[in-house]
Amino acid sequence: MLSSPLVWLSAAPRQVFLFLTAGLLLTTGCTGLPEGEAQPASQSARDADTPAVETAIAQTGSLEIPIEYTGTTAPVRVVSLRAQTEGRLLQLNADVGDAIARGQVLGQVDSRLLLAVVEQARAELAALESEVAQAEAEVSDARAQVEQARVELQQAQADAARLQSLSGEGAITTQAAEQAVTAARTAEQTLRSAQEQVRTRQQAVIAAQRRVTAQQATLSEVQAREAFASLTAPITGSVLAKTVEPGDLLQPGDEVLQLGDFSVIKVVVQVSELQLGSLQLGQTAQVRLDAFPNQRLNGQISRISPAADPTARLIPIEITMPNAGGRISSGLLARVQFANVQSDLIIVPEQALSGSEQKSELFVLQGTGEQAKVAARPVQIGEKRNGQVEIRSGLKAGETFVVRSSKPLEDGQPVRLSILSEQSPAP
């Protein structure tokens, strides 16, 4: 029942006023206050009879108390900048905490030996290209010899045919005709030999071109190694750690700097297997940092580990959140609460209810100011926990209901609002 009396702050000024008024009447011969400033006795009596109530605005919620998990902030990505070539580190242009941009040159490795290797590879490539040119020239010479041999063959064949005709007429000896036929056959063999020489020279050109291609690949590799002498940032972020100093000798694979991408911050917390069923990818999480105690950050679950700790039965859950301006750094203590599924049930203090368990009701505020009154509203209740109760039906979110009253209330009764009251804004 709403019968627990309240101590109203509005009563204190009235008592002080009456006390001062009585004193003034005693010292001035009871002349009293000017007419119109004194409060009528009927109004005072009416205010005394009107119950004073404290109200609140109905809101949806859940009786579940969210569990708070602790974790540590970290950049969404951590990349190691490593040496890709051998040499002495000449300079390092970044230190721990420095902001860096993708493509920025952060260091330089001594590349003088690589430059010498590059020049040597270029010289070898030029020599091989010269060999290709020479082989192609030899192919041209061989083709010229083929044409010459073809002309000589045609001439020899024509001479042999003419001399055979003369021999048949008895103008020349048979021996002379046979010599001409032999010369034609020799010219034919010479043509075949020249054609074979062309094919051989063409194979030599192909082999020389392949050597040029191989040397070009070698030169590209050496040039790439020489380019690796400049250490460039692969991401935009900040320097987390520095493992070498200028003057150190680097080998391929040695770590130079550790870089972090702080555009997004991640927090990893360990969750009990009993809570795993209520979590899913993309679910909202509230993150509170001790470094910024007055701010609540919104993140979401980006990764649920498929493997739990076999001893503790805890599952790593990764939460990511944007980091506009890069204000959040690495290594900060983070407190994480996962948002429960939004409930449509109204949650009110248990003391706001009256009646029995089977037939509960509460009082809803109607009107404002001097027109304020209450209306009894039957409600269906649900679970109770920690002094709170679920309202399954009978009250809507945004309605104003009575939490406490200085006197027992009745349906339609006028009321006065305490200074602690919440009230829905007028429509």
Protein backbone atom coordinates (compact mmCIF):
# COMPACT_ATOMS: atom_id res chain seq x y z
CA MET A 1 0.00 0.00 0.00
CA LEU A 2 1.19 3.54 -0.69
CA SER A 3 0.81 4.54 3.01
CA SER A 4 4.38 5.22 4.12
CA PRO A 5 4.59 8.93 5.19
CA LEU A 6 7.12 11.21 3.54
CA VAL A 7 9.10 14.13 4.89
CA TRP A 8 8.23 16.87 2.44
CA LEU A 9 10.63 19.72 1.95
CA SER A 10 7.68 21.97 1.05
CA ALA A 11 6.41 21.72 4.67
CA ALA A 12 9.54 23.24 6.21
CA PRO A 13 9.13 26.72 4.67
CA ARG A 14 5.47 26.78 5.86
CA GLN A 15 6.48 26.07 9.49
CA VAL A 16 9.18 28.74 9.37
CA PHE A 17 6.67 31.22 7.90
CA LEU A 18 4.11 30.54 10.68
CA PHE A 19 6.76 30.86 13.34
CA LEU A 20 7.99 34.20 12.00
CA THR A 21 4.43 35.47 11.60
CA ALA A 22 3.62 34.68 15.23
CA GLY A 23 6.74 36.49 16.40
CA LEU A 24 5.93 39.54 14.27
CA LEU A 25 2.42 39.77 15.68
CA LEU A 26 3.78 39.68 19.20
CA THR A 27 6.30 42.48 18.58
CA THR A 28 4.03 44.80 16.54
CA GLY A 29 0.90 44.63 18.57
CA CYS A 30 -0.71 41.93 16.30
CA THR A 31 -1.12 44.32 13.41
CA GLY A 32 -0.84 41.29 10.99
CA LEU A 33 0.12 41.14 7.31
CA PRO A 34 -1.43 43.44 4.68
CA GLU A 35 -4.67 42.11 3.38
CA GLY A 36 -4.20 39.71 0.44
CA GLU A 37 -0.76 38.41 1.53
CA ALA A 38 -2.02 36.17 4.29
CA GLN A 39 -2.88 32.59 3.23
CA PRO A 40 -6.53 31.72 3.84
CA ALA A 41 -7.10 29.12 6.51
CA SER A 42 -9.31 27.12 4.15
CA GLN A 43 -6.46 26.75 1.61
CA SER A 44 -4.04 25.60 4.31
CA ALA A 45 -6.51 23.03 5.45
CA ARG A 46 -7.06 21.84 1.89
CA ASP A 47 -3.28 21.43 1.29
CA ALA A 48 -2.99 19.53 4.54
CA ASP A 49 -5.72 17.13 3.40
CA THR A 50 -4.21 16.62 -0.09
CA PRO A 51 -1.74 13.69 -0.15
CA ALA A 52 1.80 14.48 -1.27
CA VAL A 53 3.21 11.95 -3.73
CA GLU A 54 6.51 11.14 -5.37
CA THR A 55 6.19 10.08 -9.01
CA ALA A 56 8.40 8.45 -11.61
CA ILE A 57 8.21 7.86 -15.37
CA ALA A 58 7.66 4.28 -16.49
CA GLN A 59 10.56 2.87 -18.51
CA THR A 60 11.35 -0.50 -20.08
CA GLY A 61 14.22 -2.52 -18.71
CA SER A 62 15.36 -5.83 -17.33
CA LEU A 63 15.78 -7.25 -13.85
CA GLU A 64 19.03 -8.89 -14.94
CA ILE A 65 22.08 -7.21 -13.42
CA PRO A 66 24.73 -7.06 -16.18
CA ILE A 67 28.04 -8.68 -15.38
CA GLU A 68 31.08 -6.43 -15.71
CA TYR A 69 34.19 -7.88 -17.30
CA THR A 70 37.65 -6.34 -17.27
CA GLY A 71 40.14 -6.22 -20.12
CA THR A 72 42.88 -4.07 -21.57
CA THR A 73 42.72 -1.76 -24.57
CA ALA A 74 44.90 -2.60 -27.56
CA PRO A 75 45.18 -1.44 -31.18
CA VAL A 76 43.10 -3.36 -33.65
CA ARG A 77 46.27 -4.36 -35.54
CA VAL A 78 49.90 -4.71 -34.48
CA VAL A 79 52.48 -4.90 -37.29
CA SER A 80 56.21 -5.51 -37.03
CA LEU A 81 58.37 -3.45 -39.37
CA ARG A 82 61.27 -5.76 -40.23
CA ALA A 83 64.44 -5.43 -42.24
CA GLN A 84 64.30 -7.12 -45.65
CA THR A 85 67.95 -6.74 -46.52
CA GLU A 86 71.30 -6.93 -44.81
CA GLY A 87 73.10 -3.76 -43.83
CA ARG A 88 73.83 -1.23 -41.12
CA LEU A 89 70.97 0.95 -39.92
CA LEU A 90 71.97 4.49 -40.85
CA GLN A 91 69.00 6.42 -39.42
CA LEU A 92 65.67 5.91 -37.68
CA ASN A 93 63.11 8.68 -38.06
CA ALA A 94 60.51 7.50 -35.51
CA ASP A 95 60.39 6.80 -31.78
CA VAL A 96 57.92 5.18 -29.39
CA GLY A 97 54.63 7.10 -29.32
CA ASP A 98 55.13 8.88 -32.64
CA ALA A 99 52.21 8.99 -35.05
CA ILE A 100 53.06 7.59 -38.48
CA ALA A 101 51.31 7.47 -41.87
CA ARG A 102 51.24 4.64 -44.36
CA GLY A 103 54.13 4.93 -46.84
CA GLN A 104 56.15 7.22 -44.57
CA VAL A 105 59.92 6.52 -44.57
CA LEU A 106 60.86 5.57 -41.02
CA GLY A 107 64.45 4.45 -41.47
CA GLN A 108 67.33 3.88 -43.88
CA VAL A 109 69.69 0.91 -44.18
CA ASP A 110 73.16 1.29 -45.71
CA SER A 111 72.71 0.30 -49.36
CA ARG A 112 76.14 1.01 -50.85
CA LEU A 113 76.95 -2.67 -51.37
CA LEU A 114 73.55 -3.21 -52.95
CA LEU A 115 74.12 -0.28 -55.30
CA ALA A 116 77.37 -1.91 -56.46
CA VAL A 117 75.52 -5.19 -57.04
CA VAL A 118 72.86 -3.32 -59.01
CA GLU A 119 75.50 -1.72 -61.26
CA GLN A 120 77.18 -5.08 -61.81
CA ALA A 121 73.85 -6.65 -62.75
CA ARG A 122 73.19 -3.81 -65.18
CA ALA A 123 76.60 -4.32 -66.82
CA GLU A 124 75.96 -8.02 -67.23
CA LEU A 125 72.57 -7.29 -68.71
CA ALA A 126 74.12 -4.90 -71.23
CA ALA A 127 76.69 -7.55 -72.23
CA LEU A 128 73.98 -10.14 -72.74
CA GLU A 129 71.91 -7.72 -74.79
CA SER A 130 75.01 -7.18 -76.94
CA GLU A 131 75.27 -10.93 -77.44
CA VAL A 132 71.66 -11.00 -78.59
CA ALA A 133 72.37 -8.25 -81.10
CA GLN A 134 75.43 -10.10 -82.37
CA ALA A 135 73.51 -13.36 -82.70
CA GLU A 136 70.74 -11.58 -84.61
CA ALA A 137 73.37 -10.10 -86.95
CA GLU A 138 74.77 -13.57 -87.58
CA VAL A 139 71.26 -14.77 -88.42
CA SER A 140 71.01 -11.97 -90.99
CA ASP A 141 74.36 -13.00 -92.50
CA ALA A 142 73.25 -16.63 -92.65
CA ARG A 143 70.04 -15.64 -94.40
CA ALA A 144 72.07 -13.67 -96.96
CA GLN A 145 74.19 -16.74 -97.58
CA VAL A 146 71.02 -18.75 -98.09
CA GLU A 147 69.82 -16.33 -100.75
CA GLN A 148 73.20 -16.42 -102.47
CA ALA A 149 73.25 -20.22 -102.40
CA ARG A 150 69.72 -20.29 -103.81
CA VAL A 151 70.76 -18.05 -106.74
CA GLU A 152 73.84 -20.19 -107.42
CA LEU A 153 71.69 -23.30 -107.32
CA GLN A 154 69.29 -21.88 -109.86
CA GLN A 155 72.19 -20.94 -112.11
CA ALA A 156 73.81 -24.37 -111.76
CA GLN A 157 70.52 -26.14 -112.52
CA ALA A 158 70.01 -23.98 -115.61
CA ASP A 159 73.57 -24.67 -116.84
CA ALA A 160 73.17 -28.40 -116.26
CA ALA A 161 69.93 -28.50 -118.24
CA ARG A 162 71.43 -26.52 -121.13
CA LEU A 163 74.61 -28.64 -121.30
CA GLN A 164 72.60 -31.88 -121.19
CA SER A 165 70.62 -30.62 -124.16
CA LEU A 166 73.81 -29.79 -126.09
CA SER A 167 75.28 -33.15 -125.18
CA GLY A 168 72.23 -34.84 -126.62
CA GLU A 169 72.78 -32.96 -129.88
CA GLY A 170 76.45 -33.92 -129.92
CA ALA A 171 77.60 -30.32 -129.55
CA ILE A 172 79.58 -31.06 -126.37
CA THR A 173 80.93 -34.11 -124.70
CA THR A 174 78.93 -36.19 -122.26
CA GLN A 175 81.60 -35.53 -119.62
CA ALA A 176 80.96 -31.78 -119.74
CA ALA A 177 77.24 -32.36 -119.26
CA GLU A 178 77.85 -34.64 -116.31
CA GLN A 179 80.13 -32.06 -114.68
CA ALA A 180 77.37 -29.46 -114.97
CA VAL A 181 74.87 -31.83 -113.27
CA THR A 182 77.39 -32.44 -110.46
CA ALA A 183 77.85 -28.69 -109.99
CA ALA A 184 74.08 -28.26 -109.68
CA ARG A 185 73.91 -30.94 -106.99
CA THR A 186 76.77 -29.28 -105.11
CA ALA A 187 74.97 -25.93 -105.23
CA GLU A 188 71.84 -27.62 -103.84
CA GLN A 189 73.83 -29.04 -100.93
CA THR A 190 75.35 -25.62 -100.26
CA LEU A 191 71.83 -24.11 -100.03
CA ARG A 192 70.75 -26.74 -97.53
CA SER A 193 73.83 -26.09 -95.44
CA ALA A 194 73.14 -22.33 -95.45
CA GLN A 195 69.53 -22.90 -94.39
CA GLU A 196 70.68 -25.12 -91.53
CA GLN A 197 73.11 -22.42 -90.50
CA VAL A 198 70.21 -19.96 -90.28
CA ARG A 199 68.31 -22.29 -87.95
CA THR A 200 71.39 -22.74 -85.78
CA ARG A 201 71.94 -18.98 -85.53
CA GLN A 202 68.24 -18.48 -84.68
CA GLN A 203 68.56 -20.95 -81.77
CA ALA A 204 71.58 -18.98 -80.61
CA VAL A 205 69.48 -15.78 -80.67
CA ILE A 206 66.74 -17.47 -78.58
CA ALA A 207 69.30 -18.69 -76.05
CA ALA A 208 70.83 -15.23 -75.80
CA GLN A 209 67.41 -13.65 -75.31
CA ARG A 210 66.64 -16.10 -72.49
CA ARG A 211 69.90 -15.17 -70.79
CA VAL A 212 68.86 -11.51 -71.09
CA THR A 213 65.48 -12.31 -69.53
CA ALA A 214 67.15 -14.13 -66.64
CA GLN A 215 69.53 -11.24 -66.08
CA GLN A 216 66.66 -8.77 -66.13
CA ALA A 217 64.98 -10.79 -63.35
CA THR A 218 68.25 -10.75 -61.40
CA LEU A 219 68.53 -7.00 -61.85
CA SER A 220 64.92 -6.50 -60.71
CA GLU A 221 65.59 -8.60 -57.61
CA VAL A 222 68.71 -6.62 -56.75
CA GLN A 223 66.91 -3.34 -57.34
CA ALA A 224 64.08 -4.51 -55.06
CA ARG A 225 66.61 -5.38 -52.37
CA GLU A 226 68.12 -1.95 -52.82
CA ALA A 227 64.65 -0.40 -52.45
CA PHE A 228 64.18 -2.40 -49.24
CA ALA A 229 66.92 -0.29 -47.74
CA SER A 230 64.24 2.35 -47.14
CA LEU A 231 62.01 1.26 -44.25
CA THR A 232 58.46 2.50 -44.94
CA ALA A 233 55.38 2.26 -42.71
CA PRO A 234 52.87 -0.35 -43.93
CA ILE A 235 49.97 1.14 -41.90
CA THR A 236 48.77 4.42 -40.40
CA GLY A 237 49.05 4.41 -36.63
CA SER A 238 51.62 4.88 -33.88
CA VAL A 239 54.96 3.39 -32.89
CA LEU A 240 54.54 0.91 -30.03
CA ALA A 241 58.13 -0.30 -29.58
CA LYS A 242 61.63 0.23 -30.95
CA THR A 243 64.03 -2.73 -30.90
CA VAL A 244 67.16 -1.36 -32.64
CA GLU A 245 69.19 1.82 -32.76
CA PRO A 246 71.06 3.56 -35.61
CA GLY A 247 74.38 1.85 -36.15
CA ASP A 248 73.08 -1.67 -35.51
CA LEU A 249 73.75 -4.31 -38.16
CA LEU A 250 70.50 -5.74 -39.51
CA GLN A 251 69.82 -9.11 -41.06
CA PRO A 252 66.75 -9.91 -43.17
CA GLY A 253 63.86 -10.53 -40.80
CA ASP A 254 65.15 -8.46 -37.87
CA GLU A 255 62.40 -6.38 -36.21
CA VAL A 256 63.04 -2.64 -36.27
CA LEU A 257 59.76 -1.12 -35.03
CA GLN A 258 56.42 -2.38 -33.75
CA LEU A 259 53.47 -0.39 -35.11
CA GLY A 260 49.85 -0.25 -33.97
CA ASP A 261 46.70 0.76 -35.84
CA PHE A 262 44.66 2.89 -33.40
CA SER A 263 41.83 3.82 -35.77
CA VAL A 264 39.87 1.11 -33.96
CA ILE A 265 40.45 -0.09 -30.41
CA LYS A 266 39.88 -3.66 -29.29
CA VAL A 267 39.36 -5.12 -25.83
CA VAL A 268 39.57 -8.84 -25.11
CA VAL A 269 37.68 -10.18 -22.09
CA GLN A 270 37.33 -13.71 -20.73
CA VAL A 271 33.71 -14.88 -20.52
CA SER A 272 32.32 -17.90 -18.69
CA GLU A 273 30.94 -20.69 -20.81
CA LEU A 274 27.61 -20.14 -19.01
CA GLN A 275 27.37 -16.66 -20.55
CA LEU A 276 28.43 -17.71 -24.05
CA GLY A 277 24.91 -18.60 -25.16
CA SER A 278 23.72 -15.01 -24.64
CA LEU A 279 26.46 -13.48 -26.81
CA GLN A 280 26.67 -13.20 -30.58
CA LEU A 281 28.75 -11.40 -33.20
CA GLY A 282 27.75 -7.77 -33.66
CA GLN A 283 26.12 -7.54 -30.24
CA THR A 284 26.45 -4.17 -28.51
CA ALA A 285 28.74 -3.76 -25.52
CA GLN A 286 29.25 -0.80 -23.20
CA VAL A 287 32.87 -0.02 -22.39
CA ARG A 288 33.99 2.20 -19.53
CA LEU A 289 37.61 3.27 -19.16
CA ASP A 290 39.12 4.36 -15.87
CA ALA A 291 41.07 6.94 -17.86
CA PHE A 292 37.75 8.56 -18.92
CA PRO A 293 35.40 7.81 -16.00
CA ASN A 294 32.62 10.13 -17.18
CA GLN A 295 32.29 8.57 -20.63
CA ARG A 296 30.58 5.38 -21.73
CA LEU A 297 31.77 4.05 -25.06
CA ASN A 298 29.77 1.82 -27.37
CA GLY A 299 31.47 -1.17 -28.95
CA GLN A 300 30.40 -4.43 -30.49
CA ILE A 301 31.52 -8.02 -30.41
CA SER A 302 33.81 -8.58 -33.40
CA ARG A 303 35.18 -12.02 -32.58
CA ILE A 304 34.22 -14.97 -30.40
CA SER A 305 37.09 -17.40 -29.99
CA PRO A 306 36.24 -20.96 -31.03
CA ALA A 307 38.52 -22.37 -28.32
CA ALA A 308 38.04 -22.06 -24.55
CA ASP A 309 40.68 -22.34 -21.86
CA PRO A 310 40.51 -26.06 -20.95
CA THR A 311 41.31 -25.31 -17.29
CA ALA A 312 39.32 -22.16 -16.48
CA ARG A 313 36.58 -22.79 -19.09
CA LEU A 314 36.78 -19.16 -20.19
CA ILE A 315 36.27 -17.99 -23.78
CA PRO A 316 38.09 -14.92 -25.16
CA ILE A 317 35.62 -12.35 -26.55
CA GLU A 318 36.94 -9.45 -28.66
CA ILE A 319 35.11 -6.11 -28.56
CA THR A 320 36.00 -3.34 -31.02
CA MET A 321 35.05 0.33 -30.88
CA PRO A 322 35.96 3.38 -32.97
CA ASN A 323 38.72 5.67 -31.73
CA ALA A 324 37.99 9.05 -33.27
CA GLY A 325 40.93 11.38 -32.79
CA GLY A 326 43.10 8.60 -31.40
CA ARG A 327 42.35 9.60 -27.78
CA ILE A 328 42.31 6.01 -26.49
CA SER A 329 45.75 4.50 -26.15
CA SER A 330 46.97 0.96 -25.52
CA GLY A 331 47.13 -0.74 -22.14
CA LEU A 332 44.20 1.05 -20.45
CA LEU A 333 41.93 -0.81 -18.04
CA ALA A 334 38.53 -1.36 -19.65
CA ARG A 335 35.32 -2.46 -17.97
CA VAL A 336 32.85 -4.13 -20.32
CA GLN A 337 29.15 -4.86 -19.95
CA PHE A 338 27.22 -6.66 -22.66
CA ALA A 339 23.80 -5.24 -23.49
CA ASN A 340 20.98 -7.66 -22.85
CA VAL A 341 18.29 -8.25 -25.41
CA GLN A 342 15.94 -5.27 -25.20
CA SER A 343 12.92 -6.07 -23.02
CA ASP A 344 9.43 -4.65 -23.64
CA LEU A 345 8.51 -5.05 -19.96
CA ILE A 346 8.13 -2.07 -17.64
CA ILE A 347 10.23 -2.14 -14.46
CA VAL A 348 8.88 -0.30 -11.38
CA PRO A 349 9.79 -0.26 -7.66
CA GLU A 350 7.93 -2.93 -5.76
CA GLN A 351 6.73 -0.33 -3.20
CA ALA A 352 4.71 1.42 -5.92
CA LEU A 353 2.26 -1.52 -6.00
CA SER A 354 -0.73 -2.07 -3.78
CA GLY A 355 -3.19 -4.89 -3.48
CA SER A 356 -2.48 -8.62 -3.47
CA GLU A 357 -0.21 -10.81 -5.56
CA GLN A 358 -3.16 -11.93 -7.67
CA LYS A 359 -4.76 -8.46 -7.96
CA SER A 360 -2.12 -5.73 -7.99
CA GLU A 361 -2.63 -2.11 -8.88
CA LEU A 362 -0.73 1.15 -8.95
CA PHE A 363 -1.73 4.78 -9.26
CA VAL A 364 -1.11 6.70 -12.47
CA LEU A 365 -0.84 10.49 -12.45
CA GLN A 366 -3.37 12.50 -14.46
CA GLY A 367 -3.26 16.25 -14.98
CA THR A 368 -0.65 18.74 -13.82
CA GLY A 369 -0.27 21.40 -11.14
CA GLU A 370 -3.40 22.02 -9.07
CA GLN A 371 -5.34 19.74 -11.44
CA ALA A 372 -3.12 16.73 -10.67
CA LYS A 373 -4.95 13.63 -9.51
CA VAL A 374 -4.34 9.90 -9.54
CA ALA A 375 -6.18 7.01 -11.16
CA ALA A 376 -6.02 3.44 -9.90
CA ARG A 377 -4.74 1.08 -12.58
CA PRO A 378 -4.85 -2.74 -12.30
CA VAL A 379 -1.62 -4.33 -13.57
CA GLN A 380 -0.28 -7.79 -14.23
CA ILE A 381 3.08 -8.33 -12.56
CA GLY A 382 5.94 -10.66 -13.42
CA GLU A 383 9.18 -11.50 -11.69
CA LYS A 384 10.49 -9.62 -8.66
CA ARG A 385 14.12 -9.00 -7.85
CA ASN A 386 16.13 -6.54 -5.75
CA GLY A 387 13.07 -4.44 -4.87
CA GLN A 388 11.99 -4.17 -8.53
CA VAL A 389 9.08 -5.87 -10.29
CA GLU A 390 8.13 -6.49 -13.92
CA ILE A 391 4.85 -5.04 -15.20
CA ARG A 392 3.58 -7.31 -17.96
CA SER A 393 0.45 -5.30 -18.74
CA GLY A 394 -1.47 -2.27 -17.47
CA LEU A 395 1.28 0.37 -17.73
CA LYS A 396 2.99 1.84 -20.78
CA ALA A 397 6.45 3.35 -21.11
CA GLY A 398 6.37 7.11 -20.61
CA GLU A 399 3.40 7.17 -18.25
CA THR A 400 3.86 8.78 -14.83
CA PHE A 401 3.07 6.60 -11.81
CA VAL A 402 3.16 7.12 -8.04
CA VAL A 403 6.11 5.61 -6.19
CA ARG A 404 5.29 6.81 -2.64
CA SER A 405 2.52 8.76 -0.96
CA SER A 406 2.16 10.52 2.36
CA LYS A 407 -1.35 9.09 2.76
CA PRO A 408 -3.35 6.19 1.40
CA LEU A 409 -4.67 7.00 -2.07
CA GLU A 410 -8.02 6.49 -3.74
CA ASP A 411 -9.02 6.49 -7.40
CA GLY A 412 -9.52 10.05 -8.70
CA GLN A 413 -8.02 11.68 -5.60
CA PRO A 414 -6.20 15.07 -6.05
CA VAL A 415 -2.53 15.00 -5.09
CA ARG A 416 0.44 17.30 -4.63
CA LEU A 417 3.84 16.45 -6.24
CA SER A 418 7.01 16.43 -4.19
CA ILE A 419 10.14 18.15 -5.43
CA LEU A 420 11.63 14.67 -6.11
CA SER A 421 8.89 13.75 -8.54
CA GLU A 422 9.44 12.92 -12.19
CA GLN A 423 6.70 13.87 -14.60
CA SER A 424 6.19 13.18 -18.30
CA PRO A 425 6.47 16.31 -20.48
CA ALA A 426 3.16 17.77 -21.61
CA PRO A 427 2.18 16.60 -25.13
